[in-house]
Amino acid sequence: MRSMPGITIEFTEQELAELRAEAKEKGVAIKRLAHDILTEDVVRRRQKQRFVEGAVRFALGYKAEFEREFPEGLR
């Protein structure tokens, strides 16, 4: 079996207790819970970043038209 890369993360006793409780409630191993939390958060933040970047590009594409249709005093 091939070894997978890993990381070491340090937690306070309270943080670790909360993770253990959550893992127990969900019926999963703490490693699985930590993995899922980290990857879901990264995916969510990256999707949000791409959405915002796309929205900015979209808005900038219509900026000249908007400024033409709604002069400074009418905004």
PDB file of N, CA and C in Angstrom:
ATOM      1  N   MET A   1       0.844  -1.182   0.000  1.00  0.00           N
ATOM      2  CA  MET A   1       0.000   0.000   0.000  1.00  0.00           C
ATOM      3  C   MET A   1       0.888   1.245   0.000  1.00  0.00           C
ATOM      4  N   ARG A   2       0.541   2.197  -0.831  1.00  0.00           N
ATOM      5  CA  ARG A   2       1.303   3.428  -0.972  1.00  0.00           C
ATOM      6  C   ARG A   2       0.974   4.394   0.168  1.00  0.00           C
ATOM      7  N   SER A   3       1.983   5.024   0.714  1.00  0.00           N
ATOM      8  CA  SER A   3       1.786   5.995   1.772  1.00  0.00           C
ATOM      9  C   SER A   3       1.276   7.306   1.180  1.00  0.00           C
ATOM     10  N   MET A   4       0.302   7.910   1.849  1.00  0.00           N
ATOM     11  CA  MET A   4      -0.241   9.181   1.390  1.00  0.00           C
ATOM     12  C   MET A   4       0.426  10.317   2.149  1.00  0.00           C
ATOM     13  N   PRO A   5       0.634  11.447   1.492  1.00  0.00           N
ATOM     14  CA  PRO A   5       1.216  12.595   2.187  1.00  0.00           C
ATOM     15  C   PRO A   5       0.284  13.057   3.306  1.00  0.00           C
ATOM     16  N   GLY A   6       0.845  13.631   4.345  1.00  0.00           N
ATOM     17  CA  GLY A   6       0.024  14.098   5.456  1.00  0.00           C
ATOM     18  C   GLY A   6       0.599  15.357   6.056  1.00  0.00           C
ATOM     19  N   ILE A   7      -0.155  15.929   6.965  1.00  0.00           N
ATOM     20  CA  ILE A   7       0.290  17.105   7.701  1.00  0.00           C
ATOM     21  C   ILE A   7       0.017  16.869   9.180  1.00  0.00           C
ATOM     22  N   THR A   8       0.722  17.584  10.006  1.00  0.00           N
ATOM     23  CA  THR A   8       0.487  17.534  11.447  1.00  0.00           C
ATOM     24  C   THR A   8      -0.104  18.875  11.855  1.00  0.00           C
ATOM     25  N   ILE A   9      -1.199  18.813  12.574  1.00  0.00           N
ATOM     26  CA  ILE A   9      -1.861  20.027  13.050  1.00  0.00           C
ATOM     27  C   ILE A   9      -1.957  19.944  14.570  1.00  0.00           C
ATOM     28  N   GLU A  10      -1.586  21.019  15.230  1.00  0.00           N
ATOM     29  CA  GLU A  10      -1.660  21.049  16.688  1.00  0.00           C
ATOM     30  C   GLU A  10      -2.969  21.709  17.116  1.00  0.00           C
ATOM     31  N   PHE A  11      -3.600  21.124  18.131  1.00  0.00           N
ATOM     32  CA  PHE A  11      -4.852  21.634  18.685  1.00  0.00           C
ATOM     33  C   PHE A  11      -4.710  21.813  20.183  1.00  0.00           C
ATOM     34  N   THR A  12      -5.494  22.719  20.732  1.00  0.00           N
ATOM     35  CA  THR A  12      -5.588  22.802  22.190  1.00  0.00           C
ATOM     36  C   THR A  12      -6.396  21.600  22.655  1.00  0.00           C
ATOM     37  N   GLU A  13      -6.351  21.317  23.930  1.00  0.00           N
ATOM     38  CA  GLU A  13      -7.140  20.200  24.473  1.00  0.00           C
ATOM     39  C   GLU A  13      -8.624  20.422  24.209  1.00  0.00           C
ATOM     40  N   GLN A  14      -9.078  21.668  24.360  1.00  0.00           N
ATOM     41  CA  GLN A  14     -10.495  21.983  24.128  1.00  0.00           C
ATOM     42  C   GLN A  14     -10.876  21.776  22.660  1.00  0.00           C
ATOM     43  N   GLU A  15     -10.031  22.244  21.748  1.00  0.00           N
ATOM     44  CA  GLU A  15     -10.303  22.061  20.323  1.00  0.00           C
ATOM     45  C   GLU A  15     -10.368  20.579  19.965  1.00  0.00           C
ATOM     46  N   LEU A  16      -9.426  19.822  20.487  1.00  0.00           N
ATOM     47  CA  LEU A  16      -9.390  18.390  20.196  1.00  0.00           C
ATOM     48  C   LEU A  16     -10.609  17.689  20.790  1.00  0.00           C
ATOM     49  N   ALA A  17     -11.017  18.110  21.971  1.00  0.00           N
ATOM     50  CA  ALA A  17     -12.218  17.529  22.590  1.00  0.00           C
ATOM     51  C   ALA A  17     -13.445  17.796  21.719  1.00  0.00           C
ATOM     52  N   GLU A  18     -13.538  19.010  21.179  1.00  0.00           N
ATOM     53  CA  GLU A  18     -14.670  19.350  20.305  1.00  0.00           C
ATOM     54  C   GLU A  18     -14.642  18.513  19.031  1.00  0.00           C
ATOM     55  N   LEU A  19     -13.453  18.353  18.451  1.00  0.00           N
ATOM     56  CA  LEU A  19     -13.325  17.521  17.246  1.00  0.00           C
ATOM     57  C   LEU A  19     -13.713  16.082  17.530  1.00  0.00           C
ATOM     58  N   ARG A  20     -13.249  15.562  18.649  1.00  0.00           N
ATOM     59  CA  ARG A  20     -13.592  14.172  19.017  1.00  0.00           C
ATOM     60  C   ARG A  20     -15.099  14.013  19.187  1.00  0.00           C
ATOM     61  N   ALA A  21     -15.716  14.988  19.862  1.00  0.00           N
ATOM     62  CA  ALA A  21     -17.166  14.919  20.077  1.00  0.00           C
ATOM     63  C   ALA A  21     -17.913  14.961  18.745  1.00  0.00           C
ATOM     64  N   GLU A  22     -17.490  15.844  17.864  1.00  0.00           N
ATOM     65  CA  GLU A  22     -18.132  15.952  16.543  1.00  0.00           C
ATOM     66  C   GLU A  22     -17.963  14.665  15.745  1.00  0.00           C
ATOM     67  N   ALA A  23     -16.760  14.120  15.770  1.00  0.00           N
ATOM     68  CA  ALA A  23     -16.494  12.874  15.042  1.00  0.00           C
ATOM     69  C   ALA A  23     -17.367  11.750  15.591  1.00  0.00           C
ATOM     70  N   LYS A  24     -17.472  11.679  16.907  1.00  0.00           N
ATOM     71  CA  LYS A  24     -18.297  10.636  17.536  1.00  0.00           C
ATOM     72  C   LYS A  24     -19.768  10.792  17.134  1.00  0.00           C
ATOM     73  N   GLU A  25     -20.265  12.047  17.172  1.00  0.00           N
ATOM     74  CA  GLU A  25     -21.658  12.302  16.788  1.00  0.00           C
ATOM     75  C   GLU A  25     -21.927  11.904  15.345  1.00  0.00           C
ATOM     76  N   LYS A  26     -20.954  12.135  14.477  1.00  0.00           N
ATOM     77  CA  LYS A  26     -21.117  11.817  13.061  1.00  0.00           C
ATOM     78  C   LYS A  26     -20.779  10.361  12.753  1.00  0.00           C
ATOM     79  N   GLY A  27     -20.174   9.681  13.710  1.00  0.00           N
ATOM     80  CA  GLY A  27     -19.819   8.282  13.503  1.00  0.00           C
ATOM     81  C   GLY A  27     -18.667   8.094  12.528  1.00  0.00           C
ATOM     82  N   VAL A  28     -17.727   9.034  12.541  1.00  0.00           N
ATOM     83  CA  VAL A  28     -16.565   8.941  11.655  1.00  0.00           C
ATOM     84  C   VAL A  28     -15.290   9.073  12.484  1.00  0.00           C
ATOM     85  N   ALA A  29     -14.192   8.647  11.891  1.00  0.00           N
ATOM     86  CA  ALA A  29     -12.902   8.805  12.543  1.00  0.00           C
ATOM     87  C   ALA A  29     -12.530  10.285  12.559  1.00  0.00           C
ATOM     88  N   ILE A  30     -11.797  10.695  13.575  1.00  0.00           N
ATOM     89  CA  ILE A  30     -11.395  12.097  13.689  1.00  0.00           C
ATOM     90  C   ILE A  30     -10.559  12.534  12.491  1.00  0.00           C
ATOM     91  N   LYS A  31      -9.726  11.636  11.952  1.00  0.00           N
ATOM     92  CA  LYS A  31      -8.937  11.978  10.764  1.00  0.00           C
ATOM     93  C   LYS A  31      -9.853  12.267   9.581  1.00  0.00           C
ATOM     94  N   ARG A  32     -10.895  11.465   9.410  1.00  0.00           N
ATOM     95  CA  ARG A  32     -11.843  11.663   8.315  1.00  0.00           C
ATOM     96  C   ARG A  32     -12.570  12.985   8.495  1.00  0.00           C
ATOM     97  N   LEU A  33     -13.011  13.272   9.725  1.00  0.00           N
ATOM     98  CA  LEU A  33     -13.718  14.524   9.996  1.00  0.00           C
ATOM     99  C   LEU A  33     -12.822  15.720   9.689  1.00  0.00           C
ATOM    100  N   ALA A  34     -11.584  15.690  10.194  1.00  0.00           N
ATOM    101  CA  ALA A  34     -10.659  16.805   9.956  1.00  0.00           C
ATOM    102  C   ALA A  34     -10.396  16.980   8.459  1.00  0.00           C
ATOM    103  N   HIS A  35     -10.190  15.885   7.762  1.00  0.00           N
ATOM    104  CA  HIS A  35      -9.962  15.937   6.310  1.00  0.00           C
ATOM    105  C   HIS A  35     -11.148  16.587   5.615  1.00  0.00           C
ATOM    106  N   ASP A  36     -12.341  16.114   5.936  1.00  0.00           N
ATOM    107  CA  ASP A  36     -13.542  16.629   5.278  1.00  0.00           C
ATOM    108  C   ASP A  36     -13.763  18.113   5.566  1.00  0.00           C
ATOM    109  N   ILE A  37     -13.556  18.513   6.817  1.00  0.00           N
ATOM    110  CA  ILE A  37     -13.733  19.923   7.188  1.00  0.00           C
ATOM    111  C   ILE A  37     -12.769  20.798   6.407  1.00  0.00           C
ATOM    112  N   LEU A  38     -11.510  20.402   6.375  1.00  0.00           N
ATOM    113  CA  LEU A  38     -10.503  21.206   5.671  1.00  0.00           C
ATOM    114  C   LEU A  38     -10.778  21.286   4.181  1.00  0.00           C
ATOM    115  N   THR A  39     -11.049  20.154   3.554  1.00  0.00           N
ATOM    116  CA  THR A  39     -11.249  20.176   2.106  1.00  0.00           C
ATOM    117  C   THR A  39     -12.538  20.901   1.733  1.00  0.00           C
ATOM    118  N   GLU A  40     -13.610  20.712   2.502  1.00  0.00           N
ATOM    119  CA  GLU A  40     -14.858  21.410   2.203  1.00  0.00           C
ATOM    120  C   GLU A  40     -14.683  22.915   2.329  1.00  0.00           C
ATOM    121  N   ASP A  41     -13.942  23.364   3.352  1.00  0.00           N
ATOM    122  CA  ASP A  41     -13.724  24.792   3.537  1.00  0.00           C
ATOM    123  C   ASP A  41     -12.908  25.378   2.388  1.00  0.00           C
ATOM    124  N   VAL A  42     -11.874  24.668   1.975  1.00  0.00           N
ATOM    125  CA  VAL A  42     -11.040  25.151   0.871  1.00  0.00           C
ATOM    126  C   VAL A  42     -11.862  25.243  -0.410  1.00  0.00           C
ATOM    127  N   VAL A  43     -12.632  24.202  -0.706  1.00  0.00           N
ATOM    128  CA  VAL A  43     -13.456  24.195  -1.921  1.00  0.00           C
ATOM    129  C   VAL A  43     -14.448  25.356  -1.884  1.00  0.00           C
ATOM    130  N   ARG A  44     -15.107  25.550  -0.736  1.00  0.00           N
ATOM    131  CA  ARG A  44     -16.104  26.619  -0.608  1.00  0.00           C
ATOM    132  C   ARG A  44     -15.463  27.994  -0.810  1.00  0.00           C
ATOM    133  N   ARG A  45     -14.310  28.229  -0.179  1.00  0.00           N
ATOM    134  CA  ARG A  45     -13.645  29.522  -0.327  1.00  0.00           C
ATOM    135  C   ARG A  45     -13.170  29.760  -1.754  1.00  0.00           C
ATOM    136  N   ARG A  46     -12.665  28.727  -2.410  1.00  0.00           N
ATOM    137  CA  ARG A  46     -12.186  28.883  -3.790  1.00  0.00           C
ATOM    138  C   ARG A  46     -13.357  29.133  -4.740  1.00  0.00           C
ATOM    139  N   GLN A  47     -14.495  28.464  -4.505  1.00  0.00           N
ATOM    140  CA  GLN A  47     -15.679  28.704  -5.335  1.00  0.00           C
ATOM    141  C   GLN A  47     -16.164  30.137  -5.154  1.00  0.00           C
ATOM    142  N   LYS A  48     -16.174  30.613  -3.922  1.00  0.00           N
ATOM    143  CA  LYS A  48     -16.591  31.988  -3.645  1.00  0.00           C
ATOM    144  C   LYS A  48     -15.653  32.971  -4.340  1.00  0.00           C
ATOM    145  N   GLN A  49     -14.354  32.707  -4.265  1.00  0.00           N
ATOM    146  CA  GLN A  49     -13.372  33.577  -4.909  1.00  0.00           C
ATOM    147  C   GLN A  49     -13.592  33.623  -6.416  1.00  0.00           C
ATOM    148  N   ARG A  50     -13.827  32.467  -7.047  1.00  0.00           N
ATOM    149  CA  ARG A  50     -14.072  32.440  -8.492  1.00  0.00           C
ATOM    150  C   ARG A  50     -15.362  33.171  -8.841  1.00  0.00           C
ATOM    151  N   PHE A  51     -16.394  33.031  -8.007  1.00  0.00           N
ATOM    152  CA  PHE A  51     -17.657  33.727  -8.248  1.00  0.00           C
ATOM    153  C   PHE A  51     -17.443  35.240  -8.205  1.00  0.00           C
ATOM    154  N   VAL A  52     -16.753  35.709  -7.173  1.00  0.00           N
ATOM    155  CA  VAL A  52     -16.509  37.147  -7.031  1.00  0.00           C
ATOM    156  C   VAL A  52     -15.686  37.660  -8.207  1.00  0.00           C
ATOM    157  N   GLU A  53     -14.655  36.932  -8.590  1.00  0.00           N
ATOM    158  CA  GLU A  53     -13.838  37.364  -9.727  1.00  0.00           C
ATOM    159  C   GLU A  53     -14.670  37.424 -11.003  1.00  0.00           C
ATOM    160  N   GLY A  54     -15.554  36.448 -11.203  1.00  0.00           N
ATOM    161  CA  GLY A  54     -16.425  36.453 -12.374  1.00  0.00           C
ATOM    162  C   GLY A  54     -17.413  37.604 -12.337  1.00  0.00           C
ATOM    163  N   ALA A  55     -17.957  37.885 -11.162  1.00  0.00           N
ATOM    164  CA  ALA A  55     -18.901  38.992 -11.025  1.00  0.00           C
ATOM    165  C   ALA A  55     -18.221  40.331 -11.308  1.00  0.00           C
ATOM    166  N   VAL A  56     -16.985  40.468 -10.852  1.00  0.00           N
ATOM    167  CA  VAL A  56     -16.239  41.705 -11.108  1.00  0.00           C
ATOM    168  C   VAL A  56     -15.983  41.857 -12.606  1.00  0.00           C
ATOM    169  N   ARG A  57     -15.571  40.769 -13.261  1.00  0.00           N
ATOM    170  CA  ARG A  57     -15.346  40.838 -14.720  1.00  0.00           C
ATOM    171  C   ARG A  57     -16.638  41.211 -15.434  1.00  0.00           C
ATOM    172  N   PHE A  58     -17.744  40.621 -15.031  1.00  0.00           N
ATOM    173  CA  PHE A  58     -19.040  40.909 -15.637  1.00  0.00           C
ATOM    174  C   PHE A  58     -19.392  42.386 -15.462  1.00  0.00           C
ATOM    175  N   ALA A  59     -19.247  42.881 -14.232  1.00  0.00           N
ATOM    176  CA  ALA A  59     -19.588  44.281 -13.952  1.00  0.00           C
ATOM    177  C   ALA A  59     -18.691  45.233 -14.734  1.00  0.00           C
ATOM    178  N   LEU A  60     -17.409  44.923 -14.790  1.00  0.00           N
ATOM    179  CA  LEU A  60     -16.490  45.787 -15.535  1.00  0.00           C
ATOM    180  C   LEU A  60     -16.819  45.790 -17.024  1.00  0.00           C
ATOM    181  N   GLY A  61     -17.353  44.676 -17.518  1.00  0.00           N
ATOM    182  CA  GLY A  61     -17.743  44.595 -18.923  1.00  0.00           C
ATOM    183  C   GLY A  61     -18.890  45.526 -19.268  1.00  0.00           C
ATOM    184  N   TYR A  62     -19.706  45.865 -18.278  1.00  0.00           N
ATOM    185  CA  TYR A  62     -20.847  46.753 -18.500  1.00  0.00           C
ATOM    186  C   TYR A  62     -20.637  48.142 -17.912  1.00  0.00           C
ATOM    187  N   LYS A  63     -19.480  48.399 -17.347  1.00  0.00           N
ATOM    188  CA  LYS A  63     -19.224  49.678 -16.676  1.00  0.00           C
ATOM    189  C   LYS A  63     -19.395  50.869 -17.616  1.00  0.00           C
ATOM    190  N   ALA A  64     -18.796  50.820 -18.790  1.00  0.00           N
ATOM    191  CA  ALA A  64     -18.888  51.951 -19.724  1.00  0.00           C
ATOM    192  C   ALA A  64     -20.343  52.205 -20.117  1.00  0.00           C
ATOM    193  N   GLU A  65     -21.079  51.139 -20.414  1.00  0.00           N
ATOM    194  CA  GLU A  65     -22.491  51.290 -20.784  1.00  0.00           C
ATOM    195  C   GLU A  65     -23.292  51.866 -19.615  1.00  0.00           C
ATOM    196  N   PHE A  66     -23.046  51.381 -18.426  1.00  0.00           N
ATOM    197  CA  PHE A  66     -23.742  51.875 -17.238  1.00  0.00           C
ATOM    198  C   PHE A  66     -23.477  53.362 -17.038  1.00  0.00           C
ATOM    199  N   GLU A  67     -22.212  53.749 -17.137  1.00  0.00           N
ATOM    200  CA  GLU A  67     -21.863  55.155 -16.955  1.00  0.00           C
ATOM    201  C   GLU A  67     -22.461  56.035 -18.043  1.00  0.00           C
ATOM    202  N   ARG A  68     -22.588  55.488 -19.246  1.00  0.00           N
ATOM    203  CA  ARG A  68     -23.197  56.238 -20.341  1.00  0.00           C
ATOM    204  C   ARG A  68     -24.700  56.405 -20.077  1.00  0.00           C
ATOM    205  N   GLU A  69     -25.363  55.345 -19.650  1.00  0.00           N
ATOM    206  CA  GLU A  69     -26.815  55.380 -19.429  1.00  0.00           C
ATOM    207  C   GLU A  69     -27.204  56.125 -18.152  1.00  0.00           C
ATOM    208  N   PHE A  70     -26.330  56.101 -17.170  1.00  0.00           N
ATOM    209  CA  PHE A  70     -26.607  56.742 -15.893  1.00  0.00           C
ATOM    210  C   PHE A  70     -25.462  57.674 -15.539  1.00  0.00           C
ATOM    211  N   PRO A  71     -25.509  58.880 -16.067  1.00  0.00           N
ATOM    212  CA  PRO A  71     -24.445  59.857 -15.776  1.00  0.00           C
ATOM    213  C   PRO A  71     -24.305  60.085 -14.270  1.00  0.00           C
ATOM    214  N   GLU A  72     -23.177  60.634 -13.900  1.00  0.00           N
ATOM    215  CA  GLU A  72     -22.817  60.828 -12.465  1.00  0.00           C
ATOM    216  C   GLU A  72     -23.963  61.380 -11.625  1.00  0.00           C
ATOM    217  N   GLY A  73     -24.672  62.367 -12.096  1.00  0.00           N
ATOM    218  CA  GLY A  73     -25.740  62.988 -11.302  1.00  0.00           C
ATOM    219  C   GLY A  73     -26.997  62.145 -11.178  1.00  0.00           C
ATOM    220  N   LEU A  74     -27.146  61.080 -11.964  1.00  0.00           N
ATOM    221  CA  LEU A  74     -28.359  60.248 -11.940  1.00  0.00           C
ATOM    222  C   LEU A  74     -28.171  58.926 -11.197  1.00  0.00           C
ATOM    223  N   ARG A  75     -27.024  58.692 -10.646  1.00  0.00           N
ATOM    224  CA  ARG A  75     -26.767  57.418  -9.957  1.00  0.00           C
ATOM    225  C   ARG A  75     -27.225  57.431  -8.538  1.00  0.00           C
TER     226      ARG A  75
END
